[in-house]
Amino acid sequence: ENIGEDGDQYAIYEALLGKDSTIDYSNYDYNNDGLIDSVIFIYSVDYDYDADPWWAWVYAAKYGQAGNINLIDGKAFEYYMWASYAFLEDSLPNASLLVVNAETYIHELGHLMGAVDLYSYTTSYGPIGGLGMMDYNNGEHDPMHKLLFGWLQPKVVYEGEHLLNLESYALDDDGINSAIIIPYRSNDFSDGNAFDEYIMIIFYTPEGLYEAHQGYDYVLDQSAIIIYHVDARM
């Protein structure tokens, strides 16, 4: 705590080097780019948003003490997640039988996979109104992020009339037929990536992971069609 928000770096430095003799870190570089893909550190202190370093974040080792770690088992340490065990014990407004709450971990894992926060740091509103894992940790990841993560196989519609049966986004478990995409340009999506501009449409129902969050004023309590305008051009 005397080091403040840099305290995690010193704990990580000690932990990684202390376990080097028992862990082969070279097993954790799936894409063979010379970097340990990520490391998740769960500390036992209760979280406190007003006391560094006792909350949750994703960061890069090169900006602090952990940047002094040389190659371990031939791999460099870079990206990591830091969070409290106590996040698992958070309650939810409509889940009295909840055993484990993983929502903070899911949000931070989204950062590990490249997603940014969708809530505003300066105002009380954001682009998806609080309804999403990268916004206020609610329900599912939004369809844009599921698409970018490779978890969604939407129906892409370019022109003409179409009769489509949309599954409930909340209950979908295979990513197929749970979203419609209307690209802005006819050649979008032809390059195999989703970094384009498009409309995404889902059929929302207050079920599944959204059910536990019923009671928050930014979580819809009735079924609805949700339409997103996505501009993900690089």
C-alpha atoms as a PDB file:
ATOM      1  CA  GLU A   1       0.000   0.000   0.000  1.00  0.00           C
ATOM      2  CA  ASN A   2       2.941   2.352   0.570  1.00  0.00           C
ATOM      3  CA  ILE A   3       3.700   2.094  -3.147  1.00  0.00           C
ATOM      4  CA  GLY A   4       0.088   2.825  -4.155  1.00  0.00           C
ATOM      5  CA  GLU A   5      -1.159   1.726  -7.552  1.00  0.00           C
ATOM      6  CA  ASP A   6       2.316   0.394  -8.394  1.00  0.00           C
ATOM      7  CA  GLY A   7       2.145  -2.105  -5.529  1.00  0.00           C
ATOM      8  CA  ASP A   8       0.819  -4.871  -7.742  1.00  0.00           C
ATOM      9  CA  GLN A   9       3.982  -4.729  -9.834  1.00  0.00           C
ATOM     10  CA  TYR A  10       6.169  -5.550  -6.837  1.00  0.00           C
ATOM     11  CA  ALA A  11       3.919  -8.451  -5.782  1.00  0.00           C
ATOM     12  CA  ILE A  12       3.926  -9.781  -9.349  1.00  0.00           C
ATOM     13  CA  TYR A  13       7.714  -9.485  -9.608  1.00  0.00           C
ATOM     14  CA  GLU A  14       8.148 -11.529  -6.445  1.00  0.00           C
ATOM     15  CA  ALA A  15       5.499 -14.119  -7.379  1.00  0.00           C
ATOM     16  CA  LEU A  16       6.696 -14.835 -10.927  1.00  0.00           C
ATOM     17  CA  LEU A  17      10.341 -15.201  -9.968  1.00  0.00           C
ATOM     18  CA  GLY A  18       9.452 -17.183  -6.856  1.00  0.00           C
ATOM     19  CA  LYS A  19       7.534 -19.763  -8.897  1.00  0.00           C
ATOM     20  CA  ASP A  20      10.015 -19.944 -11.764  1.00  0.00           C
ATOM     21  CA  SER A  21      11.544 -23.170 -10.443  1.00  0.00           C
ATOM     22  CA  THR A  22       8.176 -24.979 -10.396  1.00  0.00           C
ATOM     23  CA  ILE A  23       6.371 -23.482 -13.414  1.00  0.00           C
ATOM     24  CA  ASP A  24       7.474 -23.798 -17.030  1.00  0.00           C
ATOM     25  CA  TYR A  25       6.297 -20.450 -18.376  1.00  0.00           C
ATOM     26  CA  SER A  26       7.103 -21.469 -21.938  1.00  0.00           C
ATOM     27  CA  ASN A  27       3.880 -23.520 -21.900  1.00  0.00           C
ATOM     28  CA  TYR A  28       1.840 -20.308 -21.800  1.00  0.00           C
ATOM     29  CA  ASP A  29       2.732 -18.765 -25.141  1.00  0.00           C
ATOM     30  CA  TYR A  30       0.010 -20.197 -27.362  1.00  0.00           C
ATOM     31  CA  ASN A  31       0.819 -18.111 -30.445  1.00  0.00           C
ATOM     32  CA  ASN A  32       4.608 -18.421 -30.050  1.00  0.00           C
ATOM     33  CA  ASP A  33       5.272 -14.678 -30.182  1.00  0.00           C
ATOM     34  CA  GLY A  34       7.783 -14.778 -27.336  1.00  0.00           C
ATOM     35  CA  LEU A  35       5.346 -13.387 -24.744  1.00  0.00           C
ATOM     36  CA  ILE A  36       3.484 -15.168 -21.966  1.00  0.00           C
ATOM     37  CA  ASP A  37      -0.054 -14.659 -23.301  1.00  0.00           C
ATOM     38  CA  SER A  38      -1.367 -13.298 -19.993  1.00  0.00           C
ATOM     39  CA  VAL A  39      -1.192 -13.917 -16.273  1.00  0.00           C
ATOM     40  CA  ILE A  40      -4.123 -13.542 -13.874  1.00  0.00           C
ATOM     41  CA  PHE A  41      -3.270 -12.522 -10.313  1.00  0.00           C
ATOM     42  CA  ILE A  42      -5.998 -12.950  -7.681  1.00  0.00           C
ATOM     43  CA  TYR A  43      -5.127 -11.401  -4.322  1.00  0.00           C
ATOM     44  CA  SER A  44      -6.794 -12.325  -1.019  1.00  0.00           C
ATOM     45  CA  VAL A  45      -7.337  -8.802   0.365  1.00  0.00           C
ATOM     46  CA  ASP A  46     -10.887  -7.429   0.085  1.00  0.00           C
ATOM     47  CA  TYR A  47     -11.133  -4.881  -2.703  1.00  0.00           C
ATOM     48  CA  ASP A  48     -11.326  -1.156  -1.958  1.00  0.00           C
ATOM     49  CA  TYR A  49     -11.738   1.293  -4.832  1.00  0.00           C
ATOM     50  CA  ASP A  50     -10.358   4.113  -2.671  1.00  0.00           C
ATOM     51  CA  ALA A  51      -7.132   2.337  -1.669  1.00  0.00           C
ATOM     52  CA  ASP A  52      -4.490   1.395  -4.223  1.00  0.00           C
ATOM     53  CA  PRO A  53      -3.696  -1.250  -5.258  1.00  0.00           C
ATOM     54  CA  TRP A  54      -6.830  -2.987  -3.969  1.00  0.00           C
ATOM     55  CA  TRP A  55      -9.190  -2.988  -6.933  1.00  0.00           C
ATOM     56  CA  ALA A  56      -9.120  -4.554 -10.426  1.00  0.00           C
ATOM     57  CA  TRP A  57      -7.330  -3.736 -13.649  1.00  0.00           C
ATOM     58  CA  VAL A  58      -5.422  -5.012 -16.662  1.00  0.00           C
ATOM     59  CA  TYR A  59      -2.018  -3.520 -17.325  1.00  0.00           C
ATOM     60  CA  ALA A  60       1.324  -4.068 -19.036  1.00  0.00           C
ATOM     61  CA  ALA A  61       4.411  -5.043 -17.041  1.00  0.00           C
ATOM     62  CA  LYS A  62       6.775  -2.806 -19.003  1.00  0.00           C
ATOM     63  CA  TYR A  63       5.458   0.290 -17.232  1.00  0.00           C
ATOM     64  CA  GLY A  64       6.561  -0.726 -13.721  1.00  0.00           C
ATOM     65  CA  GLN A  65       8.681  -2.884 -11.479  1.00  0.00           C
ATOM     66  CA  ALA A  66       7.670  -6.095 -13.274  1.00  0.00           C
ATOM     67  CA  GLY A  67       9.313  -4.718 -16.392  1.00  0.00           C
ATOM     68  CA  ASN A  68      12.629  -5.603 -14.746  1.00  0.00           C
ATOM     69  CA  ILE A  69      11.892  -9.314 -15.133  1.00  0.00           C
ATOM     70  CA  ASN A  70      14.220 -10.785 -17.715  1.00  0.00           C
ATOM     71  CA  LEU A  71      13.129 -13.689 -19.893  1.00  0.00           C
ATOM     72  CA  ILE A  72      11.699 -16.543 -17.832  1.00  0.00           C
ATOM     73  CA  ASP A  73      11.873 -19.915 -19.558  1.00  0.00           C
ATOM     74  CA  GLY A  74      12.642 -17.983 -22.718  1.00  0.00           C
ATOM     75  CA  LYS A  75       9.454 -15.887 -22.563  1.00  0.00           C
ATOM     76  CA  ALA A  76       8.820 -12.239 -21.748  1.00  0.00           C
ATOM     77  CA  PHE A  77       6.148 -11.197 -19.253  1.00  0.00           C
ATOM     78  CA  GLU A  78       3.876  -8.427 -20.462  1.00  0.00           C
ATOM     79  CA  TYR A  79       0.073  -8.385 -20.095  1.00  0.00           C
ATOM     80  CA  TYR A  80      -1.639  -9.242 -16.824  1.00  0.00           C
ATOM     81  CA  MET A  81      -4.882  -8.974 -14.849  1.00  0.00           C
ATOM     82  CA  TRP A  82      -5.085  -8.018 -11.170  1.00  0.00           C
ATOM     83  CA  ALA A  83      -8.247  -8.540  -9.090  1.00  0.00           C
ATOM     84  CA  SER A  84      -9.507  -9.452  -5.635  1.00  0.00           C
ATOM     85  CA  TYR A  85     -10.898 -12.831  -4.624  1.00  0.00           C
ATOM     86  CA  ALA A  86     -13.713 -10.898  -2.920  1.00  0.00           C
ATOM     87  CA  PHE A  87     -15.254  -9.931  -6.270  1.00  0.00           C
ATOM     88  CA  LEU A  88     -16.524 -13.525  -6.422  1.00  0.00           C
ATOM     89  CA  GLU A  89     -18.674 -12.808  -3.366  1.00  0.00           C
ATOM     90  CA  ASP A  90     -20.510  -9.741  -4.727  1.00  0.00           C
ATOM     91  CA  SER A  91     -24.290  -9.989  -4.664  1.00  0.00           C
ATOM     92  CA  LEU A  92     -26.619  -9.332  -7.599  1.00  0.00           C
ATOM     93  CA  PRO A  93     -30.093  -7.779  -7.291  1.00  0.00           C
ATOM     94  CA  ASN A  94     -32.054 -10.713  -8.744  1.00  0.00           C
ATOM     95  CA  ALA A  95     -29.909 -13.748  -7.905  1.00  0.00           C
ATOM     96  CA  SER A  96     -30.544 -14.810  -4.325  1.00  0.00           C
ATOM     97  CA  LEU A  97     -29.033 -18.270  -4.930  1.00  0.00           C
ATOM     98  CA  LEU A  98     -25.849 -16.919  -6.511  1.00  0.00           C
ATOM     99  CA  VAL A  99     -22.803 -18.972  -5.498  1.00  0.00           C
ATOM    100  CA  VAL A 100     -20.041 -17.333  -7.566  1.00  0.00           C
ATOM    101  CA  ASN A 101     -20.116 -13.896  -9.187  1.00  0.00           C
ATOM    102  CA  ALA A 102     -17.581 -13.815 -12.027  1.00  0.00           C
ATOM    103  CA  GLU A 103     -18.672 -10.548 -13.664  1.00  0.00           C
ATOM    104  CA  THR A 104     -15.619  -8.481 -12.654  1.00  0.00           C
ATOM    105  CA  TYR A 105     -13.306 -11.241 -13.864  1.00  0.00           C
ATOM    106  CA  ILE A 106     -15.237 -11.436 -17.153  1.00  0.00           C
ATOM    107  CA  HIS A 107     -14.926  -7.672 -17.629  1.00  0.00           C
ATOM    108  CA  GLU A 108     -11.177  -7.709 -16.981  1.00  0.00           C
ATOM    109  CA  LEU A 109     -10.694 -10.760 -19.208  1.00  0.00           C
ATOM    110  CA  GLY A 110     -12.367  -8.694 -21.928  1.00  0.00           C
ATOM    111  CA  HIS A 111      -9.501  -6.222 -21.515  1.00  0.00           C
ATOM    112  CA  LEU A 112      -6.988  -9.073 -21.744  1.00  0.00           C
ATOM    113  CA  MET A 113      -8.510  -9.920 -25.129  1.00  0.00           C
ATOM    114  CA  GLY A 114      -8.254  -6.319 -26.351  1.00  0.00           C
ATOM    115  CA  ALA A 115     -11.612  -4.777 -25.436  1.00  0.00           C
ATOM    116  CA  VAL A 116     -11.796  -1.278 -23.983  1.00  0.00           C
ATOM    117  CA  ASP A 117     -14.166   0.154 -21.378  1.00  0.00           C
ATOM    118  CA  LEU A 118     -17.476   1.296 -22.857  1.00  0.00           C
ATOM    119  CA  TYR A 119     -18.459   3.383 -19.858  1.00  0.00           C
ATOM    120  CA  SER A 120     -17.397   7.014 -19.821  1.00  0.00           C
ATOM    121  CA  TYR A 121     -14.740   8.205 -17.388  1.00  0.00           C
ATOM    122  CA  THR A 122     -16.185  11.746 -17.400  1.00  0.00           C
ATOM    123  CA  THR A 123     -19.964  11.520 -17.890  1.00  0.00           C
ATOM    124  CA  SER A 124     -22.843   9.395 -16.602  1.00  0.00           C
ATOM    125  CA  TYR A 125     -23.635   7.712 -19.931  1.00  0.00           C
ATOM    126  CA  GLY A 126     -21.875   5.610 -22.539  1.00  0.00           C
ATOM    127  CA  PRO A 127     -22.488   4.253 -26.042  1.00  0.00           C
ATOM    128  CA  ILE A 128     -24.470   1.155 -24.988  1.00  0.00           C
ATOM    129  CA  GLY A 129     -26.288   2.612 -22.000  1.00  0.00           C
ATOM    130  CA  GLY A 130     -24.785   0.391 -19.319  1.00  0.00           C
ATOM    131  CA  LEU A 131     -26.119  -2.831 -20.829  1.00  0.00           C
ATOM    132  CA  GLY A 132     -23.019  -4.898 -21.449  1.00  0.00           C
ATOM    133  CA  MET A 133     -20.000  -6.552 -19.862  1.00  0.00           C
ATOM    134  CA  MET A 134     -17.539  -3.878 -21.014  1.00  0.00           C
ATOM    135  CA  ASP A 135     -19.860  -1.143 -19.783  1.00  0.00           C
ATOM    136  CA  TYR A 136     -21.363  -1.784 -16.328  1.00  0.00           C
ATOM    137  CA  ASN A 137     -20.596  -5.540 -16.129  1.00  0.00           C
ATOM    138  CA  ASN A 138     -24.177  -6.450 -16.996  1.00  0.00           C
ATOM    139  CA  GLY A 139     -25.423  -9.647 -18.590  1.00  0.00           C
ATOM    140  CA  GLU A 140     -23.534 -10.802 -21.678  1.00  0.00           C
ATOM    141  CA  HIS A 141     -20.741  -9.309 -23.720  1.00  0.00           C
ATOM    142  CA  ASP A 142     -22.409  -7.110 -26.348  1.00  0.00           C
ATOM    143  CA  PRO A 143     -22.682  -8.573 -29.876  1.00  0.00           C
ATOM    144  CA  MET A 144     -19.905  -6.420 -31.313  1.00  0.00           C
ATOM    145  CA  HIS A 145     -17.365  -7.815 -28.859  1.00  0.00           C
ATOM    146  CA  LYS A 146     -18.634 -11.364 -29.318  1.00  0.00           C
ATOM    147  CA  LEU A 147     -18.141 -10.886 -33.050  1.00  0.00           C
ATOM    148  CA  LEU A 148     -14.594  -9.554 -32.591  1.00  0.00           C
ATOM    149  CA  PHE A 149     -13.769 -12.425 -30.222  1.00  0.00           C
ATOM    150  CA  GLY A 150     -14.980 -14.948 -32.798  1.00  0.00           C
ATOM    151  CA  TRP A 151     -17.930 -16.134 -30.684  1.00  0.00           C
ATOM    152  CA  LEU A 152     -20.720 -14.977 -33.025  1.00  0.00           C
ATOM    153  CA  GLN A 153     -21.845 -16.186 -36.454  1.00  0.00           C
ATOM    154  CA  PRO A 154     -24.359 -13.515 -37.452  1.00  0.00           C
ATOM    155  CA  LYS A 155     -26.584 -13.417 -40.507  1.00  0.00           C
ATOM    156  CA  VAL A 156     -25.124 -10.780 -42.840  1.00  0.00           C
ATOM    157  CA  VAL A 157     -27.755  -9.039 -44.985  1.00  0.00           C
ATOM    158  CA  TYR A 158     -26.723  -6.791 -47.860  1.00  0.00           C
ATOM    159  CA  GLU A 159     -29.934  -6.031 -49.773  1.00  0.00           C
ATOM    160  CA  GLY A 160     -33.392  -7.331 -50.632  1.00  0.00           C
ATOM    161  CA  GLU A 161     -36.107  -8.808 -48.437  1.00  0.00           C
ATOM    162  CA  HIS A 162     -35.342 -11.477 -45.848  1.00  0.00           C
ATOM    163  CA  LEU A 163     -37.420 -13.487 -43.400  1.00  0.00           C
ATOM    164  CA  LEU A 164     -35.214 -14.284 -40.409  1.00  0.00           C
ATOM    165  CA  ASN A 165     -35.809 -16.043 -37.108  1.00  0.00           C
ATOM    166  CA  LEU A 166     -33.678 -14.456 -34.405  1.00  0.00           C
ATOM    167  CA  GLU A 167     -32.964 -16.549 -31.322  1.00  0.00           C
ATOM    168  CA  SER A 168     -32.947 -14.879 -27.933  1.00  0.00           C
ATOM    169  CA  TYR A 169     -29.510 -13.322 -27.531  1.00  0.00           C
ATOM    170  CA  ALA A 170     -29.695 -14.022 -23.806  1.00  0.00           C
ATOM    171  CA  LEU A 171     -30.312 -17.751 -24.259  1.00  0.00           C
ATOM    172  CA  ASP A 172     -28.140 -18.417 -27.321  1.00  0.00           C
ATOM    173  CA  ASP A 173     -25.358 -20.914 -26.622  1.00  0.00           C
ATOM    174  CA  ASP A 174     -23.736 -21.430 -30.022  1.00  0.00           C
ATOM    175  CA  GLY A 175     -23.490 -17.923 -31.511  1.00  0.00           C
ATOM    176  CA  ILE A 176     -25.530 -18.880 -34.576  1.00  0.00           C
ATOM    177  CA  ASN A 177     -28.582 -16.857 -35.677  1.00  0.00           C
ATOM    178  CA  SER A 178     -28.532 -14.603 -32.620  1.00  0.00           C
ATOM    179  CA  ALA A 179     -27.612 -11.411 -34.499  1.00  0.00           C
ATOM    180  CA  ILE A 180     -28.205  -9.734 -37.844  1.00  0.00           C
ATOM    181  CA  ILE A 181     -25.620  -7.482 -39.497  1.00  0.00           C
ATOM    182  CA  ILE A 182     -26.370  -4.897 -42.167  1.00  0.00           C
ATOM    183  CA  PRO A 183     -23.042  -3.548 -43.517  1.00  0.00           C
ATOM    184  CA  TYR A 184     -22.776   0.065 -44.566  1.00  0.00           C
ATOM    185  CA  ARG A 185     -20.893  -0.843 -47.741  1.00  0.00           C
ATOM    186  CA  SER A 186     -21.450  -3.819 -50.012  1.00  0.00           C
ATOM    187  CA  ASN A 187     -17.814  -4.912 -49.799  1.00  0.00           C
ATOM    188  CA  ASP A 188     -17.626  -4.812 -46.000  1.00  0.00           C
ATOM    189  CA  PHE A 189     -16.991  -8.160 -44.311  1.00  0.00           C
ATOM    190  CA  SER A 190     -15.574  -9.547 -47.555  1.00  0.00           C
ATOM    191  CA  ASP A 191     -12.061  -9.290 -46.061  1.00  0.00           C
ATOM    192  CA  GLY A 192     -12.858 -11.636 -43.193  1.00  0.00           C
ATOM    193  CA  ASN A 193     -12.686  -9.130 -40.342  1.00  0.00           C
ATOM    194  CA  ALA A 194     -15.288  -7.095 -38.471  1.00  0.00           C
ATOM    195  CA  PHE A 195     -13.453  -3.769 -38.403  1.00  0.00           C
ATOM    196  CA  ASP A 196     -16.072  -2.075 -40.567  1.00  0.00           C
ATOM    197  CA  GLU A 197     -19.206   0.033 -40.125  1.00  0.00           C
ATOM    198  CA  TYR A 198     -22.501  -1.764 -39.744  1.00  0.00           C
ATOM    199  CA  ILE A 199     -25.832  -2.158 -37.992  1.00  0.00           C
ATOM    200  CA  MET A 200     -26.204  -5.058 -35.530  1.00  0.00           C
ATOM    201  CA  ILE A 201     -29.653  -6.264 -34.496  1.00  0.00           C
ATOM    202  CA  ILE A 202     -30.428  -8.675 -31.657  1.00  0.00           C
ATOM    203  CA  PHE A 203     -33.586  -9.966 -29.987  1.00  0.00           C
ATOM    204  CA  TYR A 204     -33.167  -9.238 -26.288  1.00  0.00           C
ATOM    205  CA  THR A 205     -35.021 -11.082 -23.538  1.00  0.00           C
ATOM    206  CA  PRO A 206     -34.546 -10.467 -19.780  1.00  0.00           C
ATOM    207  CA  GLU A 207     -33.305 -14.006 -19.236  1.00  0.00           C
ATOM    208  CA  GLY A 208     -30.053 -15.901 -18.816  1.00  0.00           C
ATOM    209  CA  LEU A 209     -27.234 -13.727 -17.508  1.00  0.00           C
ATOM    210  CA  TYR A 210     -29.412 -10.635 -17.838  1.00  0.00           C
ATOM    211  CA  GLU A 211     -31.961 -12.047 -15.385  1.00  0.00           C
ATOM    212  CA  ALA A 212     -29.608 -11.702 -12.411  1.00  0.00           C
ATOM    213  CA  HIS A 213     -29.188  -7.983 -13.134  1.00  0.00           C
ATOM    214  CA  GLN A 214     -32.911  -7.203 -13.185  1.00  0.00           C
ATOM    215  CA  GLY A 215     -33.453  -4.300 -10.813  1.00  0.00           C
ATOM    216  CA  TYR A 216     -30.786  -2.018 -12.211  1.00  0.00           C
ATOM    217  CA  ASP A 217     -32.362   0.899 -14.058  1.00  0.00           C
ATOM    218  CA  TYR A 218     -30.103   0.384 -17.105  1.00  0.00           C
ATOM    219  CA  VAL A 219     -31.046  -3.297 -17.579  1.00  0.00           C
ATOM    220  CA  LEU A 220     -34.146  -3.825 -19.730  1.00  0.00           C
ATOM    221  CA  ASP A 221     -36.909  -5.731 -17.936  1.00  0.00           C
ATOM    222  CA  GLN A 222     -38.953  -6.487 -21.081  1.00  0.00           C
ATOM    223  CA  SER A 223     -38.165  -8.220 -24.357  1.00  0.00           C
ATOM    224  CA  ALA A 224     -37.047  -5.880 -27.117  1.00  0.00           C
ATOM    225  CA  ILE A 225     -35.249  -5.531 -30.418  1.00  0.00           C
ATOM    226  CA  ILE A 226     -31.913  -3.790 -29.817  1.00  0.00           C
ATOM    227  CA  ILE A 227     -30.199  -2.066 -32.733  1.00  0.00           C
ATOM    228  CA  TYR A 228     -26.528  -1.094 -32.501  1.00  0.00           C
ATOM    229  CA  HIS A 229     -24.704   1.232 -34.854  1.00  0.00           C
ATOM    230  CA  VAL A 230     -21.091   0.016 -34.877  1.00  0.00           C
ATOM    231  CA  ASP A 231     -18.242   1.985 -36.402  1.00  0.00           C
ATOM    232  CA  ALA A 232     -15.184  -0.217 -35.914  1.00  0.00           C
ATOM    233  CA  ARG A 233     -13.169   1.085 -38.839  1.00  0.00           C
ATOM    234  CA  MET A 234      -9.456   1.121 -38.076  1.00  0.00           C
END
